C-alpha atoms as a PDB file:
ATOM      1  CA  MET A   1       0.000   0.000   0.000  1.00  0.00           C
ATOM      2  CA  LEU A   2       1.216   3.507  -0.825  1.00  0.00           C
ATOM      3  CA  PRO A   3       1.928   5.838   2.142  1.00  0.00           C
ATOM      4  CA  LEU A   4      -1.168   8.042   1.584  1.00  0.00           C
ATOM      5  CA  GLU A   5      -3.448   5.530  -0.148  1.00  0.00           C
ATOM      6  CA  GLY A   6      -6.994   6.913  -0.425  1.00  0.00           C
ATOM      7  CA  LEU A   7      -6.332  10.186   1.435  1.00  0.00           C
ATOM      8  CA  ARG A   8      -8.544  12.959   0.018  1.00  0.00           C
ATOM      9  CA  VAL A   9      -6.418  16.069  -0.504  1.00  0.00           C
ATOM     10  CA  GLY A  10      -7.442  19.485  -1.802  1.00  0.00           C
ATOM     11  CA  VAL A  11      -4.700  21.728  -3.225  1.00  0.00           C
ATOM     12  CA  LEU A  12      -5.707  25.337  -3.812  1.00  0.00           C
ATOM     13  CA  GLY A  13      -3.756  27.733  -6.024  1.00  0.00           C
ATOM     14  CA  GLY A  14      -0.171  28.788  -5.514  1.00  0.00           C
ATOM     15  CA  ASP A  15       2.855  29.290  -7.740  1.00  0.00           C
ATOM     16  CA  ALA A  16       4.736  26.810  -9.930  1.00  0.00           C
ATOM     17  CA  ARG A  17       5.450  24.445  -7.026  1.00  0.00           C
ATOM     18  CA  SER A  18       1.729  23.641  -6.677  1.00  0.00           C
ATOM     19  CA  ALA A  19       1.662  21.436  -9.790  1.00  0.00           C
ATOM     20  CA  TYR A  20       4.392  19.313  -8.199  1.00  0.00           C
ATOM     21  CA  VAL A  21       2.505  19.236  -4.898  1.00  0.00           C
ATOM     22  CA  VAL A  22      -0.441  17.718  -6.759  1.00  0.00           C
ATOM     23  CA  GLU A  23       1.828  15.300  -8.626  1.00  0.00           C
ATOM     24  CA  GLU A  24       3.651  14.179  -5.488  1.00  0.00           C
ATOM     25  CA  PHE A  25       0.450  13.581  -3.506  1.00  0.00           C
ATOM     26  CA  ALA A  26      -0.923  11.521  -6.396  1.00  0.00           C
ATOM     27  CA  LEU A  27       2.283   9.457  -6.567  1.00  0.00           C
ATOM     28  CA  LEU A  28       1.862   8.689  -2.862  1.00  0.00           C
ATOM     29  CA  GLY A  29      -1.620   7.309  -3.491  1.00  0.00           C
ATOM     30  CA  ALA A  30      -3.790  10.278  -2.496  1.00  0.00           C
ATOM     31  CA  GLN A  31      -6.940  11.343  -4.316  1.00  0.00           C
ATOM     32  CA  VAL A  32      -6.250  14.976  -5.197  1.00  0.00           C
ATOM     33  CA  LYS A  33      -8.567  17.862  -6.043  1.00  0.00           C
ATOM     34  CA  ALA A  34      -6.816  20.835  -7.670  1.00  0.00           C
ATOM     35  CA  LEU A  35      -8.110  24.395  -8.073  1.00  0.00           C
ATOM     36  CA  GLY A  36      -6.314  27.138  -9.976  1.00  0.00           C
ATOM     37  CA  ILE A  37      -3.347  24.926 -10.813  1.00  0.00           C
ATOM     38  CA  PRO A  38      -2.186  24.089 -14.371  1.00  0.00           C
ATOM     39  CA  VAL A  39      -2.314  20.298 -14.082  1.00  0.00           C
ATOM     40  CA  SER A  40      -3.925  17.537 -16.097  1.00  0.00           C
ATOM     41  CA  ASP A  41      -6.848  15.545 -14.716  1.00  0.00           C
ATOM     42  CA  ARG A  42      -6.311  12.629 -17.087  1.00  0.00           C
ATOM     43  CA  THR A  43      -5.324  10.361 -14.205  1.00  0.00           C
ATOM     44  CA  ALA A  44      -7.876   8.762 -11.927  1.00  0.00           C
ATOM     45  CA  SER A  45      -6.195  10.229  -8.850  1.00  0.00           C
ATOM     46  CA  VAL A  46      -6.384  13.923  -9.855  1.00  0.00           C
ATOM     47  CA  THR A  47      -9.535  16.009 -10.336  1.00  0.00           C
ATOM     48  CA  VAL A  48      -9.293  19.560 -11.690  1.00  0.00           C
ATOM     49  CA  CYS A  49     -12.134  21.453 -10.015  1.00  0.00           C
ATOM     50  CA  ARG A  50     -14.268  24.155 -11.579  1.00  0.00           C
ATOM     51  CA  ASP A  51     -14.834  26.163  -8.411  1.00  0.00           C
ATOM     52  CA  ALA A  52     -13.835  26.427  -4.773  1.00  0.00           C
ATOM     53  CA  ALA A  53     -16.962  24.714  -3.463  1.00  0.00           C
ATOM     54  CA  GLU A  54     -16.120  21.576  -5.424  1.00  0.00           C
ATOM     55  CA  ALA A  55     -12.457  21.687  -4.385  1.00  0.00           C
ATOM     56  CA  LEU A  56     -13.306  22.044  -0.693  1.00  0.00           C
ATOM     57  CA  SER A  57     -15.917  19.326  -0.432  1.00  0.00           C
ATOM     58  CA  ALA A  58     -15.257  15.893   1.124  1.00  0.00           C
ATOM     59  CA  LEU A  59     -11.597  16.384   2.083  1.00  0.00           C
ATOM     60  CA  ASP A  60      -9.273  14.851   4.645  1.00  0.00           C
ATOM     61  CA  VAL A  61      -6.527  17.468   4.134  1.00  0.00           C
ATOM     62  CA  LEU A  62      -6.443  20.955   2.619  1.00  0.00           C
ATOM     63  CA  VAL A  63      -3.193  22.438   1.257  1.00  0.00           C
ATOM     64  CA  ILE A  64      -2.806  26.101   0.277  1.00  0.00           C
ATOM     65  CA  PRO A  65       0.722  26.637  -1.099  1.00  0.00           C
ATOM     66  CA  SER A  66       2.404  30.043  -1.409  1.00  0.00           C
ATOM     67  CA  PRO A  67       1.557  32.831  -2.027  1.00  0.00           C
ATOM     68  CA  GLY A  68      -1.815  31.705  -0.609  1.00  0.00           C
ATOM     69  CA  ILE A  69      -4.836  33.930   0.060  1.00  0.00           C
ATOM     70  CA  ASP A  70      -4.638  37.736   0.130  1.00  0.00           C
ATOM     71  CA  LYS A  71      -6.321  40.134   2.562  1.00  0.00           C
ATOM     72  CA  GLN A  72      -9.483  40.189   0.444  1.00  0.00           C
ATOM     73  CA  GLY A  73      -9.765  36.407   0.370  1.00  0.00           C
ATOM     74  CA  ARG A  74      -8.552  36.064  -3.231  1.00  0.00           C
ATOM     75  CA  LEU A  75      -6.574  32.927  -4.011  1.00  0.00           C
ATOM     76  CA  TYR A  76      -3.294  33.362  -5.896  1.00  0.00           C
ATOM     77  CA  THR A  77      -3.180  31.160  -8.990  1.00  0.00           C
ATOM     78  CA  LEU A  78      -1.166  30.768 -12.204  1.00  0.00           C
ATOM     79  CA  THR A  79      -4.252  30.041 -14.307  1.00  0.00           C
ATOM     80  CA  GLY A  80      -5.458  33.617 -14.713  1.00  0.00           C
ATOM     81  CA  GLU A  81      -8.301  33.328 -12.234  1.00  0.00           C
ATOM     82  CA  ALA A  82      -8.528  34.625  -8.676  1.00  0.00           C
ATOM     83  CA  PRO A  83     -11.361  32.796  -6.912  1.00  0.00           C
ATOM     84  CA  VAL A  84     -12.482  34.209  -3.581  1.00  0.00           C
ATOM     85  CA  ILE A  85     -12.208  31.746  -0.712  1.00  0.00           C
ATOM     86  CA  ASP A  86     -14.841  33.294   1.510  1.00  0.00           C
ATOM     87  CA  ARG A  87     -15.642  32.660   5.143  1.00  0.00           C
ATOM     88  CA  ALA A  88     -18.489  30.271   4.445  1.00  0.00           C
ATOM     89  CA  LEU A  89     -16.319  28.090   2.213  1.00  0.00           C
ATOM     90  CA  LEU A  90     -13.493  27.834   4.722  1.00  0.00           C
ATOM     91  CA  GLN A  91     -15.901  27.281   7.593  1.00  0.00           C
ATOM     92  CA  SER A  92     -17.325  24.331   5.671  1.00  0.00           C
ATOM     93  CA  VAL A  93     -13.913  22.633   5.875  1.00  0.00           C
ATOM     94  CA  GLY A  94     -14.581  21.966   9.547  1.00  0.00           C
ATOM     95  CA  ALA A  95     -11.996  19.887  11.390  1.00  0.00           C
ATOM     96  CA  VAL A  96      -9.888  19.187   8.296  1.00  0.00           C
ATOM     97  CA  PRO A  97      -6.265  20.320   8.857  1.00  0.00           C
ATOM     98  CA  VAL A  98      -5.207  23.207   6.615  1.00  0.00           C
ATOM     99  CA  TYR A  99      -1.534  23.250   5.642  1.00  0.00           C
ATOM    100  CA  THR A 100      -0.040  26.427   4.241  1.00  0.00           C
ATOM    101  CA  VAL A 101       3.497  27.722   3.885  1.00  0.00           C
ATOM    102  CA  MET A 102       2.622  30.952   5.698  1.00  0.00           C
ATOM    103  CA  ALA A 103      -0.855  32.043   6.778  1.00  0.00           C
ATOM    104  CA  GLY A 104      -1.643  35.649   5.920  1.00  0.00           C
ATOM    105  CA  SER A 105      -3.872  37.841   8.062  1.00  0.00           C
ATOM    106  CA  TYR A 106      -7.052  36.690   6.291  1.00  0.00           C
ATOM    107  CA  LEU A 107      -6.501  32.979   6.869  1.00  0.00           C
ATOM    108  CA  ALA A 108      -5.163  33.511  10.389  1.00  0.00           C
ATOM    109  CA  GLY A 109      -8.235  35.584  11.231  1.00  0.00           C
ATOM    110  CA  LEU A 110     -10.581  32.856  10.034  1.00  0.00           C
ATOM    111  CA  ALA A 111      -8.633  30.283  12.018  1.00  0.00           C
ATOM    112  CA  ALA A 112      -9.247  32.343  15.131  1.00  0.00           C
ATOM    113  CA  GLN A 113     -12.926  32.907  14.316  1.00  0.00           C
ATOM    114  CA  PHE A 114     -13.939  29.400  13.315  1.00  0.00           C
ATOM    115  CA  GLY A 115     -11.382  27.234  15.111  1.00  0.00           C
ATOM    116  CA  LEU A 116      -9.721  26.031  11.906  1.00  0.00           C
ATOM    117  CA  GLN A 117      -6.566  24.003  12.393  1.00  0.00           C
ATOM    118  CA  VAL A 118      -4.078  25.938  10.258  1.00  0.00           C
ATOM    119  CA  ILE A 119      -0.507  24.620  10.213  1.00  0.00           C
ATOM    120  CA  GLU A 120       2.125  27.056   8.957  1.00  0.00           C
ATOM    121  CA  LEU A 121       4.911  24.964   7.472  1.00  0.00           C
ATOM    122  CA  VAL A 122       7.426  27.801   7.583  1.00  0.00           C
ATOM    123  CA  ARG A 123       7.297  27.612  11.395  1.00  0.00           C
ATOM    124  CA  LEU A 124       8.382  23.981  11.424  1.00  0.00           C
ATOM    125  CA  PRO A 125      12.179  23.781  11.817  1.00  0.00           C
ATOM    126  CA  GLU A 126      12.460  20.824   9.426  1.00  0.00           C
ATOM    127  CA  PHE A 127      10.557  22.590   6.635  1.00  0.00           C
ATOM    128  CA  ALA A 128      12.309  25.923   7.160  1.00  0.00           C
ATOM    129  CA  ILE A 129      15.751  24.325   6.881  1.00  0.00           C
ATOM    130  CA  TYR A 130      14.945  22.302   3.767  1.00  0.00           C
ATOM    131  CA  ASN A 131      13.212  25.298   2.165  1.00  0.00           C
ATOM    132  CA  SER A 132      16.252  27.480   2.810  1.00  0.00           C
ATOM    133  CA  ILE A 133      18.197  25.466   0.222  1.00  0.00           C
ATOM    134  CA  PRO A 134      16.241  26.550  -2.899  1.00  0.00           C
ATOM    135  CA  SER A 135      15.909  30.025  -1.339  1.00  0.00           C
ATOM    136  CA  ALA A 136      19.682  30.367  -1.051  1.00  0.00           C
ATOM    137  CA  GLU A 137      20.372  28.889  -4.491  1.00  0.00           C
ATOM    138  CA  GLY A 138      17.814  31.214  -6.066  1.00  0.00           C
ATOM    139  CA  ALA A 139      19.250  34.231  -4.275  1.00  0.00           C
ATOM    140  CA  ILE A 140      22.728  33.425  -5.562  1.00  0.00           C
ATOM    141  CA  GLN A 141      21.404  32.755  -9.061  1.00  0.00           C
ATOM    142  CA  LEU A 142      19.782  36.193  -9.060  1.00  0.00           C
ATOM    143  CA  ALA A 143      23.071  37.801  -8.058  1.00  0.00           C
ATOM    144  CA  MET A 144      24.953  35.937 -10.775  1.00  0.00           C
ATOM    145  CA  GLU A 145      22.469  37.165 -13.389  1.00  0.00           C
ATOM    146  CA  ARG A 146      22.575  40.802 -12.307  1.00  0.00           C
ATOM    147  CA  MET A 147      26.135  41.453 -11.107  1.00  0.00           C
ATOM    148  CA  PRO A 148      29.062  42.346 -13.405  1.00  0.00           C
ATOM    149  CA  ILE A 149      31.483  40.458 -11.138  1.00  0.00           C
ATOM    150  CA  THR A 150      31.796  36.916  -9.876  1.00  0.00           C
ATOM    151  CA  ILE A 151      30.535  35.674  -6.539  1.00  0.00           C
ATOM    152  CA  HIS A 152      34.055  34.393  -5.920  1.00  0.00           C
ATOM    153  CA  GLY A 153      36.064  37.207  -4.384  1.00  0.00           C
ATOM    154  CA  CYS A 154      33.165  39.610  -3.905  1.00  0.00           C
ATOM    155  CA  ARG A 155      32.373  41.171  -0.544  1.00  0.00           C
ATOM    156  CA  ALA A 156      28.983  39.803   0.511  1.00  0.00           C
ATOM    157  CA  VAL A 157      26.974  40.942   3.525  1.00  0.00           C
ATOM    158  CA  VAL A 158      24.106  38.826   4.896  1.00  0.00           C
ATOM    159  CA  LEU A 159      21.720  40.562   7.288  1.00  0.00           C
ATOM    160  CA  GLY A 160      20.181  38.056   9.687  1.00  0.00           C
ATOM    161  CA  PHE A 161      21.264  34.539  10.597  1.00  0.00           C
ATOM    162  CA  GLY A 162      18.098  32.486  10.672  1.00  0.00           C
ATOM    163  CA  ASN A 163      17.584  29.407   8.504  1.00  0.00           C
ATOM    164  CA  VAL A 164      17.879  31.228   5.174  1.00  0.00           C
ATOM    165  CA  GLY A 165      20.731  33.418   6.409  1.00  0.00           C
ATOM    166  CA  ILE A 166      22.735  30.428   7.599  1.00  0.00           C
ATOM    167  CA  THR A 167      22.331  28.427   4.378  1.00  0.00           C
ATOM    168  CA  LEU A 168      22.956  31.482   2.209  1.00  0.00           C
ATOM    169  CA  ALA A 169      26.077  32.618   4.071  1.00  0.00           C
ATOM    170  CA  ARG A 170      27.510  29.098   4.086  1.00  0.00           C
ATOM    171  CA  THR A 171      26.927  28.731   0.330  1.00  0.00           C
ATOM    172  CA  LEU A 172      28.372  32.143  -0.495  1.00  0.00           C
ATOM    173  CA  ASN A 173      31.457  31.278   1.521  1.00  0.00           C
ATOM    174  CA  ALA A 174      31.814  27.954  -0.301  1.00  0.00           C
ATOM    175  CA  LEU A 175      31.741  29.846  -3.611  1.00  0.00           C
ATOM    176  CA  GLY A 176      34.619  32.055  -2.470  1.00  0.00           C
ATOM    177  CA  ALA A 177      32.740  35.191  -1.422  1.00  0.00           C
ATOM    178  CA  ARG A 178      34.215  37.147   1.480  1.00  0.00           C
ATOM    179  CA  THR A 179      31.095  36.889   3.589  1.00  0.00           C
ATOM    180  CA  THR A 180      30.103  38.902   6.651  1.00  0.00           C
ATOM    181  CA  VAL A 181      27.032  38.136   8.741  1.00  0.00           C
ATOM    182  CA  ILE A 182      25.267  41.036  10.474  1.00  0.00           C
ATOM    183  CA  ALA A 183      23.326  39.839  13.523  1.00  0.00           C
ATOM    184  CA  ARG A 184      22.146  41.308  16.821  1.00  0.00           C
ATOM    185  CA  ASP A 185      22.643  38.065  18.730  1.00  0.00           C
ATOM    186  CA  PRO A 186      26.255  37.519  19.887  1.00  0.00           C
ATOM    187  CA  ALA A 187      25.668  33.750  19.767  1.00  0.00           C
ATOM    188  CA  ALA A 188      24.710  34.013  16.081  1.00  0.00           C
ATOM    189  CA  ARG A 189      27.893  35.953  15.377  1.00  0.00           C
ATOM    190  CA  ALA A 190      29.887  33.340  17.270  1.00  0.00           C
ATOM    191  CA  ARG A 191      28.322  30.589  15.157  1.00  0.00           C
ATOM    192  CA  ALA A 192      29.179  32.538  12.000  1.00  0.00           C
ATOM    193  CA  CYS A 193      32.791  32.756  13.177  1.00  0.00           C
ATOM    194  CA  GLU A 194      32.843  29.008  13.880  1.00  0.00           C
ATOM    195  CA  MET A 195      31.689  28.449  10.278  1.00  0.00           C
ATOM    196  CA  GLY A 196      34.597  30.485   8.916  1.00  0.00           C
ATOM    197  CA  LEU A 197      32.541  33.626   8.285  1.00  0.00           C
ATOM    198  CA  ALA A 198      33.019  37.150   9.579  1.00  0.00           C
ATOM    199  CA  GLY A 199      30.444  38.409  12.046  1.00  0.00           C
ATOM    200  CA  ALA A 200      29.478  41.957  12.960  1.00  0.00           C
ATOM    201  CA  PRO A 201      26.841  43.576  15.170  1.00  0.00           C
ATOM    202  CA  LEU A 202      24.070  45.746  13.750  1.00  0.00           C
ATOM    203  CA  GLU A 203      25.911  48.828  15.025  1.00  0.00           C
ATOM    204  CA  HIS A 204      28.595  48.169  12.370  1.00  0.00           C
ATOM    205  CA  LEU A 205      26.078  47.994   9.528  1.00  0.00           C
ATOM    206  CA  ALA A 206      27.059  51.300   7.890  1.00  0.00           C
ATOM    207  CA  PHE A 207      30.741  50.345   7.747  1.00  0.00           C
ATOM    208  CA  GLN A 208      29.948  46.954   6.217  1.00  0.00           C
ATOM    209  CA  LEU A 209      27.575  48.452   3.637  1.00  0.00           C
ATOM    210  CA  GLN A 210      30.260  50.874   2.425  1.00  0.00           C
ATOM    211  CA  ARG A 211      32.494  47.937   1.476  1.00  0.00           C
ATOM    212  CA  ALA A 212      29.935  45.426   0.155  1.00  0.00           C
ATOM    213  CA  ASP A 213      29.492  44.352  -3.451  1.00  0.00           C
ATOM    214  CA  LEU A 214      26.445  42.244  -2.602  1.00  0.00           C
ATOM    215  CA  VAL A 215      23.942  42.747   0.224  1.00  0.00           C
ATOM    216  CA  TYR A 216      21.287  40.219   1.238  1.00  0.00           C
ATOM    217  CA  ASN A 217      18.591  41.049   3.760  1.00  0.00           C
ATOM    218  CA  THR A 218      16.741  38.216   5.497  1.00  0.00           C
ATOM    219  CA  ILE A 219      15.391  40.272   8.436  1.00  0.00           C
ATOM    220  CA  PRO A 220      11.587  40.822   8.215  1.00  0.00           C
ATOM    221  CA  ALA A 221      11.746  44.481   9.270  1.00  0.00           C
ATOM    222  CA  LEU A 222      12.718  47.791   7.669  1.00  0.00           C
ATOM    223  CA  ILE A 223      16.402  47.333   8.346  1.00  0.00           C
ATOM    224  CA  LEU A 224      17.683  49.085   5.207  1.00  0.00           C
ATOM    225  CA  ASP A 225      15.953  52.446   5.622  1.00  0.00           C
ATOM    226  CA  ARG A 226      17.134  55.638   3.936  1.00  0.00           C
ATOM    227  CA  THR A 227      19.777  56.289   6.583  1.00  0.00           C
ATOM    228  CA  ALA A 228      21.273  52.818   6.121  1.00  0.00           C
ATOM    229  CA  LEU A 229      21.008  53.005   2.328  1.00  0.00           C
ATOM    230  CA  GLU A 230      23.025  56.220   2.264  1.00  0.00           C
ATOM    231  CA  SER A 231      25.992  54.121   3.393  1.00  0.00           C
ATOM    232  CA  VAL A 232      25.651  51.491   0.640  1.00  0.00           C
ATOM    233  CA  ASN A 233      28.399  51.172  -1.945  1.00  0.00           C
ATOM    234  CA  PRO A 234      26.764  52.658  -5.105  1.00  0.00           C
ATOM    235  CA  GLU A 235      28.047  49.693  -7.125  1.00  0.00           C
ATOM    236  CA  ALA A 236      26.452  47.127  -4.798  1.00  0.00           C
ATOM    237  CA  PHE A 237      23.437  44.960  -5.548  1.00  0.00           C
ATOM    238  CA  ILE A 238      20.832  44.545  -2.783  1.00  0.00           C
ATOM    239  CA  ILE A 239      18.621  41.441  -2.693  1.00  0.00           C
ATOM    240  CA  ASP A 240      15.776  41.410  -0.172  1.00  0.00           C
ATOM    241  CA  LEU A 241      14.659  37.934   0.890  1.00  0.00           C
ATOM    242  CA  ALA A 242      12.421  39.028   3.764  1.00  0.00           C
ATOM    243  CA  SER A 243       8.679  38.471   3.625  1.00  0.00           C
ATOM    244  CA  ALA A 244       6.693  41.213   1.857  1.00  0.00           C
ATOM    245  CA  PRO A 245       6.812  44.177   2.092  1.00  0.00           C
ATOM    246  CA  GLY A 246      10.473  43.373   2.743  1.00  0.00           C
ATOM    247  CA  GLY A 247      13.189  45.117   4.687  1.00  0.00           C
ATOM    248  CA  VAL A 248      14.301  47.777   2.197  1.00  0.00           C
ATOM    249  CA  ASP A 249      13.033  51.311   1.600  1.00  0.00           C
ATOM    250  CA  TYR A 250      12.670  50.928  -2.165  1.00  0.00           C
ATOM    251  CA  VAL A 251      11.639  54.544  -2.747  1.00  0.00           C
ATOM    252  CA  ALA A 252      14.821  55.719  -1.073  1.00  0.00           C
ATOM    253  CA  ALA A 253      16.901  53.114  -2.920  1.00  0.00           C
ATOM    254  CA  GLU A 254      15.601  54.362  -6.273  1.00  0.00           C
ATOM    255  CA  ALA A 255      16.200  57.994  -5.305  1.00  0.00           C
ATOM    256  CA  LEU A 256      19.774  57.128  -4.349  1.00  0.00           C
ATOM    257  CA  GLY A 257      20.340  55.258  -7.606  1.00  0.00           C
ATOM    258  CA  LEU A 258      20.879  51.916  -5.890  1.00  0.00           C
ATOM    259  CA  LYS A 259      20.107  48.523  -7.399  1.00  0.00           C
ATOM    260  CA  ALA A 260      17.681  46.725  -5.077  1.00  0.00           C
ATOM    261  CA  SER A 261      15.407  43.757  -5.754  1.00  0.00           C
ATOM    262  CA  LEU A 262      12.656  42.165  -3.654  1.00  0.00           C
ATOM    263  CA  ALA A 263      12.844  38.409  -4.236  1.00  0.00           C
ATOM    264  CA  PRO A 264       9.889  36.661  -2.559  1.00  0.00           C
ATOM    265  CA  ASN A 265       8.887  33.014  -3.020  1.00  0.00           C
ATOM    266  CA  LEU A 266      12.208  32.015  -4.572  1.00  0.00           C
ATOM    267  CA  PRO A 267      11.719  28.255  -4.010  1.00  0.00           C
ATOM    268  CA  GLY A 268       8.644  28.272  -6.244  1.00  0.00           C
ATOM    269  CA  ARG A 269      10.417  30.335  -8.889  1.00  0.00           C
ATOM    270  CA  VAL A 270      13.786  28.606  -9.175  1.00  0.00           C
ATOM    271  CA  ALA A 271      13.185  25.033  -8.013  1.00  0.00           C
ATOM    272  CA  PRO A 272       9.423  24.358  -8.054  1.00  0.00           C
ATOM    273  CA  LYS A 273       9.729  20.571  -8.142  1.00  0.00           C
ATOM    274  CA  THR A 274      12.045  20.414  -5.140  1.00  0.00           C
ATOM    275  CA  ALA A 275       9.949  23.024  -3.317  1.00  0.00           C
ATOM    276  CA  GLY A 276       6.762  21.057  -3.986  1.00  0.00           C
ATOM    277  CA  GLN A 277       8.337  17.831  -2.760  1.00  0.00           C
ATOM    278  CA  ILE A 278       9.476  19.551   0.444  1.00  0.00           C
ATOM    279  CA  ILE A 279       5.877  20.635   1.128  1.00  0.00           C
ATOM    280  CA  VAL A 280       4.398  17.190   0.513  1.00  0.00           C
ATOM    281  CA  HIS A 281       6.959  15.200   2.448  1.00  0.00           C
ATOM    282  CA  THR A 282       6.720  17.535   5.446  1.00  0.00           C
ATOM    283  CA  ILE A 283       2.925  17.134   5.446  1.00  0.00           C
ATOM    284  CA  ARG A 284       3.216  13.361   5.020  1.00  0.00           C
ATOM    285  CA  ARG A 285       5.446  13.119   8.075  1.00  0.00           C
ATOM    286  CA  LEU A 286       2.978  15.116  10.141  1.00  0.00           C
ATOM    287  CA  LEU A 287       0.035  13.021   8.927  1.00  0.00           C
ATOM    288  CA  GLN A 288       1.857   9.885   9.969  1.00  0.00           C
ATOM    289  CA  GLY A 289       1.774  10.845  13.601  1.00  0.00           C
ATOM    290  CA  GLU A 290       4.236  13.562  14.531  1.00  0.00           C
ATOM    291  CA  PRO A 291       2.419  16.582  16.014  1.00  0.00           C
ATOM    292  CA  PRO A 292       2.725  19.898  14.138  1.00  0.00           C
ATOM    293  CA  GLN A 293       4.709  22.581  15.954  1.00  0.00           C
ATOM    294  CA  GLY A 294       3.307  25.606  14.104  1.00  0.00           C
ATOM    295  CA  THR A 295      -0.452  25.289  14.516  1.00  0.00           C
ATOM    296  CA  LEU A 296      -2.803  28.240  14.786  1.00  0.00           C
ATOM    297  CA  SER A 297      -5.240  27.409  17.557  1.00  0.00           C
ATOM    298  CA  ALA A 298      -8.861  28.508  17.762  1.00  0.00           C
ATOM    299  CA  GLU A 299      -7.611  31.609  19.592  1.00  0.00           C
ATOM    300  CA  GLY A 300      -5.190  32.398  16.775  1.00  0.00           C
ATOM    301  CA  VAL A 301      -2.177  31.645  18.961  1.00  0.00           C
ATOM    302  CA  ARG A 302       0.654  29.567  17.530  1.00  0.00           C
ATOM    303  CA  VAL A 303       1.109  26.454  19.629  1.00  0.00           C
ATOM    304  CA  HIS A 304       4.580  24.876  19.643  1.00  0.00           C
ATOM    305  CA  ALA A 305       5.804  21.620  21.111  1.00  0.00           C
ATOM    306  CA  ALA A 306       7.735  22.201  24.322  1.00  0.00           C
ATOM    307  CA  GLY A 307      11.350  23.156  23.745  1.00  0.00           C
ATOM    308  CA  ARG A 308      11.021  23.254  19.954  1.00  0.00           C
ATOM    309  CA  CYS A 309      10.007  26.890  19.289  1.00  0.00           C
END
C-alpha cells in the first residue's frame, strides 16, 4: 500500500510548485482535487475542479501553497483566475487540517474565528531548513544574473542569521565570497565565526555596507531604511529575501540610484519541483503521527511543542 493511499487532498492555487505538490500527492496514493493549478486531470487520482466549493468538499486534508490567500480572500493562482475563498467556504472545511506555507492575516483571522486548524509549514524547523536550500540557491542565481562580477572574491553581507541566512552565508562562503554576517545576537555571530565567516553587530552595519558588493537582507523588518542606504556602496546589488513588504526602503533606494530587488517566493520560482516535494513530504510526516509545531489554535495563537520553538 502507498503511504497516503486513499487520502482525500485538496490543493488550492499557488505558484509553480503547486503542480508538483499535486503530482507528489498523487504518486503517494492520495486522491487529489486541484483548483487554480495548471495540471492535467487525465489520471484517476487527480480532479481539476471548476470552483472552490467543489475543491473544498469531502476532504481529509487541505493544502494552500504560497503565495496563498490575500487580505481580500482572493486565491493566488497561475491560471489567470482569482477565486475568492470566503468565510463560508473555509468554515465548511470543519476539522480538516489546513496546511499552508505561511498564513496571511485573512486565513489567520478565520482560524481564530472558526477554530480552523491551520498549520504554517514555515514555522516547522524541518521545513524551514529544507526550504532554505532553494531560497539560497535562487538568491545566488539572481546575483549571478545581475552582477558584473563573480561571486568568488566579492564582498557579501548577509543581514540576519536564521535558517535562510545560515544556508545562504555558508553557500556564499563555499563559492569564495568574502562573507560577513550582520546579527544582533552575539551567539549568532559566534556561530558565523565558527563556520569560517566574519560576524558583525548591527551597530557596524554602515561600515559593512560601504564595502559590500552584494547585500542580502533576510530580516523581516525595515532594516535598510534611507539612513542605512546612504551608506551602501553605489556599485552594490541589494537582494531582499524578507517576507513582503520586505526590509528595504525601495523609494529611497531608487532615489539614491541603488540597485535593489525584492525576491519573494524564490523556491517556487527557481526550483518548483524540489519546493513542492518539500511541502508534501513535510505534510506526510505530520500526517503519519508527529504533532505539528506551528499550529494556529482557535484563539489564533501559535502552539509549539515544548522546547522546539
